[in-house]
Amino acid sequence: MTRPFLFLSARPEAEAVGPEYEAVRRAMGLDAARLEHLRLDVEPLSQLVLGDFAGIVVGGSPFNVTTPEERKGAMQRRVEDDLARLAEWALAGDRHVMFTCYGIGVLTRLLGGTVGTRFGEDAAAVELALTEAGRADRLAGVLSERFDALVGHKEATEQLPGEAVLLAGSAGCPVQLYRVGEHVYATQFHPEVSTADFVARARVYRHHGYFPASELREVELRLGAASVTEPQRLLRRFVELAADPA
């Protein structure tokens, strides 16, 4: 029997949750029956048997791992604990797991790398470039050597964990994609969204400090003028590799 995939979301904003799931599902090329969904902001990870899934994708969040611990709410602390446990499980068995955006911060910190605010990026389409390792990678290698991706984050990896292999970076954020082991990946950019998806998400998060709320119209125009399709190939390839791990 073909195992399903799992999408883990960590967004308390209900209006952003469904569209994020749908964007991930479309990019992965799966129907709803093959992509299960758990909201970590609502339910704990412990209720699932992780080995039941062929692969797991972790979505983004307005949470930041660099927020001082005393200022993190109980929900964020629980989400980060669950994601750290997921990362430990994935790394121990070198399982097919992809952490995106917020998740890369959790993984970087767990592995002893440094997460900070130096390389935050406004909501925009930016050009990324694959490294030599990225061009040779079974997953990242499906991407063009240079490609545009959608970003919007307040923090990023500043020091790559020692065991991580850098696969892609950009001028404004040197660590955009890396691999640990053979099957655990982390992206700073959003591989799932179309520009229309990202415009809709910008409207939800216009008061979250990613850009001045008064500039929403300018952000919408900037994003709407971009053409970003390449990153979604990453999720389709993730499914191919996890479904046929030989």
C-alpha atoms as a PDB file:
ATOM      1  CA  MET A   1       0.000   0.000   0.000  1.00  0.00           C
ATOM      2  CA  THR A   2       1.323   3.450  -0.928  1.00  0.00           C
ATOM      3  CA  ARG A   3       2.079   5.521   2.141  1.00  0.00           C
ATOM      4  CA  PRO A   4       0.683   9.054   2.316  1.00  0.00           C
ATOM      5  CA  PHE A   5       2.691  12.220   2.898  1.00  0.00           C
ATOM      6  CA  LEU A   6       2.245  14.605   5.811  1.00  0.00           C
ATOM      7  CA  PHE A   7       2.108  18.385   5.896  1.00  0.00           C
ATOM      8  CA  LEU A   8       2.710  20.084   9.244  1.00  0.00           C
ATOM      9  CA  SER A   9       1.528  23.671   9.577  1.00  0.00           C
ATOM     10  CA  ALA A  10       2.375  26.054  12.402  1.00  0.00           C
ATOM     11  CA  ARG A  11       0.277  29.124  11.615  1.00  0.00           C
ATOM     12  CA  PRO A  12      -2.172  30.388  14.263  1.00  0.00           C
ATOM     13  CA  GLU A  13      -3.851  32.565  11.602  1.00  0.00           C
ATOM     14  CA  ALA A  14      -6.687  30.308  10.419  1.00  0.00           C
ATOM     15  CA  GLU A  15      -7.170  32.237   7.164  1.00  0.00           C
ATOM     16  CA  ALA A  16      -3.620  31.346   6.097  1.00  0.00           C
ATOM     17  CA  VAL A  17      -3.735  27.645   6.958  1.00  0.00           C
ATOM     18  CA  GLY A  18      -5.985  26.255   4.211  1.00  0.00           C
ATOM     19  CA  PRO A  19      -4.303  28.185   1.386  1.00  0.00           C
ATOM     20  CA  GLU A  20      -0.867  27.057   2.581  1.00  0.00           C
ATOM     21  CA  TYR A  21      -1.949  23.407   2.610  1.00  0.00           C
ATOM     22  CA  GLU A  22      -3.437  23.744  -0.877  1.00  0.00           C
ATOM     23  CA  ALA A  23      -0.286  25.413  -2.211  1.00  0.00           C
ATOM     24  CA  VAL A  24       1.875  22.612  -0.813  1.00  0.00           C
ATOM     25  CA  ARG A  25      -0.483  19.934  -2.131  1.00  0.00           C
ATOM     26  CA  ARG A  26      -0.517  21.407  -5.642  1.00  0.00           C
ATOM     27  CA  ALA A  27       3.250  21.833  -5.714  1.00  0.00           C
ATOM     28  CA  MET A  28       3.747  18.237  -4.558  1.00  0.00           C
ATOM     29  CA  GLY A  29       1.317  16.998  -7.207  1.00  0.00           C
ATOM     30  CA  LEU A  30      -0.763  15.050  -4.698  1.00  0.00           C
ATOM     31  CA  ASP A  31      -4.482  14.711  -4.185  1.00  0.00           C
ATOM     32  CA  ALA A  32      -5.911  15.338  -0.719  1.00  0.00           C
ATOM     33  CA  ALA A  33      -6.063  11.620   0.055  1.00  0.00           C
ATOM     34  CA  ARG A  34      -2.271  11.380  -0.210  1.00  0.00           C
ATOM     35  CA  LEU A  35      -1.383  14.491   1.805  1.00  0.00           C
ATOM     36  CA  GLU A  36      -2.505  14.464   5.411  1.00  0.00           C
ATOM     37  CA  HIS A  37      -2.396  17.659   7.444  1.00  0.00           C
ATOM     38  CA  LEU A  38      -1.752  18.382  11.106  1.00  0.00           C
ATOM     39  CA  ARG A  39      -1.914  21.857  12.628  1.00  0.00           C
ATOM     40  CA  LEU A  40       0.837  21.926  15.235  1.00  0.00           C
ATOM     41  CA  ASP A  41      -0.636  25.102  16.708  1.00  0.00           C
ATOM     42  CA  VAL A  42      -3.738  23.072  17.593  1.00  0.00           C
ATOM     43  CA  GLU A  43      -2.693  19.447  18.045  1.00  0.00           C
ATOM     44  CA  PRO A  44       0.533  17.815  19.280  1.00  0.00           C
ATOM     45  CA  LEU A  45       2.786  15.815  17.000  1.00  0.00           C
ATOM     46  CA  SER A  46       2.717  12.894  19.450  1.00  0.00           C
ATOM     47  CA  GLN A  47      -0.668  11.699  18.183  1.00  0.00           C
ATOM     48  CA  LEU A  48       0.887  10.592  14.882  1.00  0.00           C
ATOM     49  CA  VAL A  49       3.074   7.631  14.003  1.00  0.00           C
ATOM     50  CA  LEU A  50       5.673   9.395  11.857  1.00  0.00           C
ATOM     51  CA  GLY A  51       6.818   6.193  10.214  1.00  0.00           C
ATOM     52  CA  ASP A  52       3.397   5.868   8.584  1.00  0.00           C
ATOM     53  CA  PHE A  53       4.361   8.619   6.115  1.00  0.00           C
ATOM     54  CA  ALA A  54       6.580   8.440   3.053  1.00  0.00           C
ATOM     55  CA  GLY A  55       7.735  12.018   3.606  1.00  0.00           C
ATOM     56  CA  ILE A  56       6.965  15.065   5.724  1.00  0.00           C
ATOM     57  CA  VAL A  57       6.932  18.763   4.790  1.00  0.00           C
ATOM     58  CA  VAL A  58       6.951  21.487   7.445  1.00  0.00           C
ATOM     59  CA  GLY A  59       5.344  24.803   6.507  1.00  0.00           C
ATOM     60  CA  GLY A  60       6.127  28.351   7.558  1.00  0.00           C
ATOM     61  CA  SER A  61       4.991  30.414  10.528  1.00  0.00           C
ATOM     62  CA  PRO A  62       5.047  33.954  11.874  1.00  0.00           C
ATOM     63  CA  PHE A  63       6.964  32.572  14.869  1.00  0.00           C
ATOM     64  CA  ASN A  64      10.697  33.321  15.145  1.00  0.00           C
ATOM     65  CA  VAL A  65      13.182  31.082  16.928  1.00  0.00           C
ATOM     66  CA  THR A  66      15.243  34.170  17.825  1.00  0.00           C
ATOM     67  CA  THR A  67      12.438  35.558  19.993  1.00  0.00           C
ATOM     68  CA  PRO A  68      13.720  35.518  23.596  1.00  0.00           C
ATOM     69  CA  GLU A  69      12.426  32.443  25.415  1.00  0.00           C
ATOM     70  CA  GLU A  70      10.633  34.502  28.052  1.00  0.00           C
ATOM     71  CA  ARG A  71       8.612  36.208  25.313  1.00  0.00           C
ATOM     72  CA  LYS A  72       7.539  33.016  23.547  1.00  0.00           C
ATOM     73  CA  GLY A  73       4.012  31.900  24.290  1.00  0.00           C
ATOM     74  CA  ALA A  74       3.123  28.374  25.367  1.00  0.00           C
ATOM     75  CA  MET A  75       1.925  27.545  21.858  1.00  0.00           C
ATOM     76  CA  GLN A  76       5.190  28.548  20.211  1.00  0.00           C
ATOM     77  CA  ARG A  77       7.261  26.665  22.763  1.00  0.00           C
ATOM     78  CA  ARG A  78       5.217  23.512  22.174  1.00  0.00           C
ATOM     79  CA  VAL A  79       5.475  23.880  18.389  1.00  0.00           C
ATOM     80  CA  GLU A  80       9.246  24.300  18.581  1.00  0.00           C
ATOM     81  CA  ASP A  81       9.577  21.295  20.877  1.00  0.00           C
ATOM     82  CA  ASP A  82       7.542  19.191  18.441  1.00  0.00           C
ATOM     83  CA  LEU A  83       9.602  20.344  15.460  1.00  0.00           C
ATOM     84  CA  ALA A  84      12.825  19.642  17.328  1.00  0.00           C
ATOM     85  CA  ARG A  85      11.607  16.117  18.084  1.00  0.00           C
ATOM     86  CA  LEU A  86      10.660  15.683  14.435  1.00  0.00           C
ATOM     87  CA  ALA A  87      14.140  16.812  13.409  1.00  0.00           C
ATOM     88  CA  GLU A  88      15.804  14.407  15.840  1.00  0.00           C
ATOM     89  CA  TRP A  89      13.664  11.551  14.523  1.00  0.00           C
ATOM     90  CA  ALA A  90      14.397  12.476  10.911  1.00  0.00           C
ATOM     91  CA  LEU A  91      18.131  12.824  11.460  1.00  0.00           C
ATOM     92  CA  ALA A  92      18.394   9.578  13.427  1.00  0.00           C
ATOM     93  CA  GLY A  93      16.872   7.596  10.579  1.00  0.00           C
ATOM     94  CA  ASP A  94      17.840   9.900   7.680  1.00  0.00           C
ATOM     95  CA  ARG A  95      14.184  10.100   6.705  1.00  0.00           C
ATOM     96  CA  HIS A  96      12.559  12.213   4.007  1.00  0.00           C
ATOM     97  CA  VAL A  97      11.674  15.482   5.752  1.00  0.00           C
ATOM     98  CA  MET A  98      11.720  19.033   4.396  1.00  0.00           C
ATOM     99  CA  PHE A  99      11.683  22.024   6.745  1.00  0.00           C
ATOM    100  CA  THR A 100      10.704  25.350   5.141  1.00  0.00           C
ATOM    101  CA  CYS A 101      11.062  28.962   6.325  1.00  0.00           C
ATOM    102  CA  TYR A 102      10.438  28.912  10.094  1.00  0.00           C
ATOM    103  CA  GLY A 103      11.425  25.246  10.207  1.00  0.00           C
ATOM    104  CA  ILE A 104      14.934  25.928   8.924  1.00  0.00           C
ATOM    105  CA  GLY A 105      15.556  28.013  12.029  1.00  0.00           C
ATOM    106  CA  VAL A 106      14.497  25.189  14.342  1.00  0.00           C
ATOM    107  CA  LEU A 107      16.720  22.714  12.489  1.00  0.00           C
ATOM    108  CA  THR A 108      19.710  25.072  12.324  1.00  0.00           C
ATOM    109  CA  ARG A 109      19.552  25.757  16.041  1.00  0.00           C
ATOM    110  CA  LEU A 110      19.178  22.063  16.882  1.00  0.00           C
ATOM    111  CA  LEU A 111      22.277  21.249  14.827  1.00  0.00           C
ATOM    112  CA  GLY A 112      24.380  23.910  16.526  1.00  0.00           C
ATOM    113  CA  GLY A 113      24.284  26.528  13.771  1.00  0.00           C
ATOM    114  CA  THR A 114      23.448  30.182  14.345  1.00  0.00           C
ATOM    115  CA  VAL A 115      20.120  31.862  13.605  1.00  0.00           C
ATOM    116  CA  GLY A 116      19.951  35.668  13.629  1.00  0.00           C
ATOM    117  CA  THR A 117      18.271  38.674  12.070  1.00  0.00           C
ATOM    118  CA  ARG A 118      21.164  39.853   9.880  1.00  0.00           C
ATOM    119  CA  PHE A 119      19.857  38.207   6.701  1.00  0.00           C
ATOM    120  CA  GLY A 120      16.140  38.884   6.979  1.00  0.00           C
ATOM    121  CA  GLU A 121      14.426  39.615   3.650  1.00  0.00           C
ATOM    122  CA  ASP A 122      11.342  41.616   2.726  1.00  0.00           C
ATOM    123  CA  ALA A 123       8.472  39.893   0.947  1.00  0.00           C
ATOM    124  CA  ALA A 124       9.783  39.680  -2.614  1.00  0.00           C
ATOM    125  CA  ALA A 125      11.022  37.467  -5.419  1.00  0.00           C
ATOM    126  CA  VAL A 126      14.815  37.108  -5.264  1.00  0.00           C
ATOM    127  CA  GLU A 127      17.366  35.301  -7.384  1.00  0.00           C
ATOM    128  CA  LEU A 128      18.981  32.221  -5.877  1.00  0.00           C
ATOM    129  CA  ALA A 129      21.996  30.316  -7.140  1.00  0.00           C
ATOM    130  CA  LEU A 130      22.799  26.661  -6.639  1.00  0.00           C
ATOM    131  CA  THR A 131      26.183  25.735  -5.249  1.00  0.00           C
ATOM    132  CA  GLU A 132      28.282  23.006  -6.850  1.00  0.00           C
ATOM    133  CA  ALA A 133      26.847  20.596  -4.283  1.00  0.00           C
ATOM    134  CA  GLY A 134      23.365  21.825  -5.121  1.00  0.00           C
ATOM    135  CA  ARG A 135      23.822  21.138  -8.818  1.00  0.00           C
ATOM    136  CA  ALA A 136      24.873  17.575  -7.992  1.00  0.00           C
ATOM    137  CA  ASP A 137      22.150  16.981  -5.400  1.00  0.00           C
ATOM    138  CA  ARG A 138      19.362  14.487  -6.238  1.00  0.00           C
ATOM    139  CA  LEU A 139      16.699  16.927  -5.029  1.00  0.00           C
ATOM    140  CA  ALA A 140      18.076  20.420  -5.652  1.00  0.00           C
ATOM    141  CA  GLY A 141      19.611  19.373  -8.952  1.00  0.00           C
ATOM    142  CA  VAL A 142      16.198  19.519 -10.665  1.00  0.00           C
ATOM    143  CA  LEU A 143      16.291  23.308 -10.310  1.00  0.00           C
ATOM    144  CA  SER A 144      17.946  25.701 -12.722  1.00  0.00           C
ATOM    145  CA  GLU A 145      21.408  26.849 -11.703  1.00  0.00           C
ATOM    146  CA  ARG A 146      19.890  30.298 -11.092  1.00  0.00           C
ATOM    147  CA  PHE A 147      16.215  30.739 -10.306  1.00  0.00           C
ATOM    148  CA  ASP A 148      13.793  33.133  -8.636  1.00  0.00           C
ATOM    149  CA  ALA A 149      12.074  32.234  -5.376  1.00  0.00           C
ATOM    150  CA  LEU A 150       9.674  33.972  -3.006  1.00  0.00           C
ATOM    151  CA  VAL A 151      10.972  35.031   0.384  1.00  0.00           C
ATOM    152  CA  GLY A 152       9.804  36.978   3.400  1.00  0.00           C
ATOM    153  CA  HIS A 153      11.423  36.368   6.780  1.00  0.00           C
ATOM    154  CA  LYS A 154      12.830  38.257   9.741  1.00  0.00           C
ATOM    155  CA  GLU A 155      15.556  35.759  10.628  1.00  0.00           C
ATOM    156  CA  ALA A 156      17.804  33.313   8.821  1.00  0.00           C
ATOM    157  CA  THR A 157      20.742  30.969   9.250  1.00  0.00           C
ATOM    158  CA  GLU A 158      23.894  33.013   9.837  1.00  0.00           C
ATOM    159  CA  GLN A 159      26.274  30.147  10.525  1.00  0.00           C
ATOM    160  CA  LEU A 160      25.649  26.888   8.703  1.00  0.00           C
ATOM    161  CA  PRO A 161      25.667  23.809  10.946  1.00  0.00           C
ATOM    162  CA  GLY A 162      28.884  21.862  10.538  1.00  0.00           C
ATOM    163  CA  GLU A 163      27.183  18.730   9.221  1.00  0.00           C
ATOM    164  CA  ALA A 164      24.989  20.585   6.723  1.00  0.00           C
ATOM    165  CA  VAL A 165      25.721  20.816   2.985  1.00  0.00           C
ATOM    166  CA  LEU A 166      24.888  24.203   1.462  1.00  0.00           C
ATOM    167  CA  LEU A 167      22.886  23.791  -1.741  1.00  0.00           C
ATOM    168  CA  ALA A 168      21.706  27.323  -2.613  1.00  0.00           C
ATOM    169  CA  GLY A 169      22.044  30.926  -1.479  1.00  0.00           C
ATOM    170  CA  SER A 170      21.237  34.468  -2.557  1.00  0.00           C
ATOM    171  CA  ALA A 171      22.966  37.840  -2.354  1.00  0.00           C
ATOM    172  CA  GLY A 172      20.839  38.914   0.581  1.00  0.00           C
ATOM    173  CA  CYS A 173      20.710  35.576   2.393  1.00  0.00           C
ATOM    174  CA  PRO A 174      23.659  33.194   1.955  1.00  0.00           C
ATOM    175  CA  VAL A 175      21.852  30.124   3.324  1.00  0.00           C
ATOM    176  CA  GLN A 176      18.676  29.455   1.357  1.00  0.00           C
ATOM    177  CA  LEU A 177      18.771  25.671   1.054  1.00  0.00           C
ATOM    178  CA  TYR A 178      20.789  22.931   2.708  1.00  0.00           C
ATOM    179  CA  ARG A 179      20.812  19.183   3.250  1.00  0.00           C
ATOM    180  CA  VAL A 180      21.731  17.103   6.274  1.00  0.00           C
ATOM    181  CA  GLY A 181      22.481  13.436   5.667  1.00  0.00           C
ATOM    182  CA  GLU A 182      20.893  12.226   2.446  1.00  0.00           C
ATOM    183  CA  HIS A 183      17.221  13.043   2.904  1.00  0.00           C
ATOM    184  CA  VAL A 184      16.687  15.875   5.403  1.00  0.00           C
ATOM    185  CA  TYR A 185      16.372  19.287   3.726  1.00  0.00           C
ATOM    186  CA  ALA A 186      15.713  22.846   4.841  1.00  0.00           C
ATOM    187  CA  THR A 187      14.746  25.883   2.782  1.00  0.00           C
ATOM    188  CA  GLN A 188      14.609  29.525   3.811  1.00  0.00           C
ATOM    189  CA  PHE A 189      12.529  30.438   0.774  1.00  0.00           C
ATOM    190  CA  HIS A 190       8.965  29.249   0.200  1.00  0.00           C
ATOM    191  CA  PRO A 191       9.010  26.442  -2.387  1.00  0.00           C
ATOM    192  CA  GLU A 192       5.241  25.977  -2.468  1.00  0.00           C
ATOM    193  CA  VAL A 193       3.734  29.320  -3.360  1.00  0.00           C
ATOM    194  CA  SER A 194       2.776  30.984  -6.611  1.00  0.00           C
ATOM    195  CA  THR A 195       2.972  34.770  -6.736  1.00  0.00           C
ATOM    196  CA  ALA A 196      -0.827  34.901  -6.328  1.00  0.00           C
ATOM    197  CA  ASP A 197      -0.539  32.703  -3.222  1.00  0.00           C
ATOM    198  CA  PHE A 198       2.122  34.990  -1.797  1.00  0.00           C
ATOM    199  CA  VAL A 199       0.077  38.124  -2.460  1.00  0.00           C
ATOM    200  CA  ALA A 200      -2.826  36.582  -0.539  1.00  0.00           C
ATOM    201  CA  ARG A 201      -0.478  35.630   2.310  1.00  0.00           C
ATOM    202  CA  ALA A 202       0.937  39.163   2.411  1.00  0.00           C
ATOM    203  CA  ARG A 203      -2.562  40.472   3.003  1.00  0.00           C
ATOM    204  CA  VAL A 204      -2.999  38.145   5.989  1.00  0.00           C
ATOM    205  CA  TYR A 205       0.356  39.166   7.489  1.00  0.00           C
ATOM    206  CA  ARG A 206       0.365  42.864   6.662  1.00  0.00           C
ATOM    207  CA  HIS A 207       0.410  43.768  10.373  1.00  0.00           C
ATOM    208  CA  HIS A 208       3.113  41.253  11.374  1.00  0.00           C
ATOM    209  CA  GLY A 209       6.152  43.423  10.638  1.00  0.00           C
ATOM    210  CA  TYR A 210       7.303  41.868   7.365  1.00  0.00           C
ATOM    211  CA  PHE A 211       6.704  45.232   5.695  1.00  0.00           C
ATOM    212  CA  PRO A 212       4.894  48.452   6.696  1.00  0.00           C
ATOM    213  CA  ALA A 213       1.156  47.802   6.424  1.00  0.00           C
ATOM    214  CA  SER A 214       0.812  51.087   4.540  1.00  0.00           C
ATOM    215  CA  GLU A 215       2.958  49.594   1.751  1.00  0.00           C
ATOM    216  CA  LEU A 216       0.696  46.592   1.114  1.00  0.00           C
ATOM    217  CA  ARG A 217      -0.317  47.842  -2.321  1.00  0.00           C
ATOM    218  CA  GLU A 218       3.314  48.275  -3.374  1.00  0.00           C
ATOM    219  CA  VAL A 219       4.103  44.766  -2.102  1.00  0.00           C
ATOM    220  CA  GLU A 220       1.146  43.346  -4.029  1.00  0.00           C
ATOM    221  CA  LEU A 221       2.312  45.005  -7.232  1.00  0.00           C
ATOM    222  CA  ARG A 222       5.916  43.904  -6.737  1.00  0.00           C
ATOM    223  CA  LEU A 223       4.951  40.295  -6.088  1.00  0.00           C
ATOM    224  CA  GLY A 224       2.320  40.256  -8.807  1.00  0.00           C
ATOM    225  CA  ALA A 225       4.852  41.370 -11.402  1.00  0.00           C
ATOM    226  CA  ALA A 226       7.200  38.489 -10.608  1.00  0.00           C
ATOM    227  CA  SER A 227       7.231  35.144 -12.399  1.00  0.00           C
ATOM    228  CA  VAL A 228       8.169  32.364  -9.981  1.00  0.00           C
ATOM    229  CA  THR A 229       7.605  28.722 -10.918  1.00  0.00           C
ATOM    230  CA  GLU A 230      10.916  26.925 -10.466  1.00  0.00           C
ATOM    231  CA  PRO A 231      10.850  26.281  -6.670  1.00  0.00           C
ATOM    232  CA  GLN A 232       7.678  24.200  -6.885  1.00  0.00           C
ATOM    233  CA  ARG A 233       9.686  21.594  -8.799  1.00  0.00           C
ATOM    234  CA  LEU A 234      11.548  20.974  -5.547  1.00  0.00           C
ATOM    235  CA  LEU A 235       8.427  19.650  -3.827  1.00  0.00           C
ATOM    236  CA  ARG A 236       7.435  17.506  -6.812  1.00  0.00           C
ATOM    237  CA  ARG A 237      10.913  15.988  -6.818  1.00  0.00           C
ATOM    238  CA  PHE A 238      10.708  15.462  -3.043  1.00  0.00           C
ATOM    239  CA  VAL A 239       7.635  13.287  -3.609  1.00  0.00           C
ATOM    240  CA  GLU A 240       9.383  11.312  -6.356  1.00  0.00           C
ATOM    241  CA  LEU A 241      12.409  10.559  -4.186  1.00  0.00           C
ATOM    242  CA  ALA A 242      10.456   9.746  -1.031  1.00  0.00           C
ATOM    243  CA  ALA A 243       7.956   7.532  -2.847  1.00  0.00           C
ATOM    244  CA  ASP A 244      10.777   5.637  -4.590  1.00  0.00           C
ATOM    245  CA  PRO A 245      13.748   5.804  -2.194  1.00  0.00           C
ATOM    246  CA  ALA A 246      15.909   3.339  -4.109  1.00  0.00           C
END
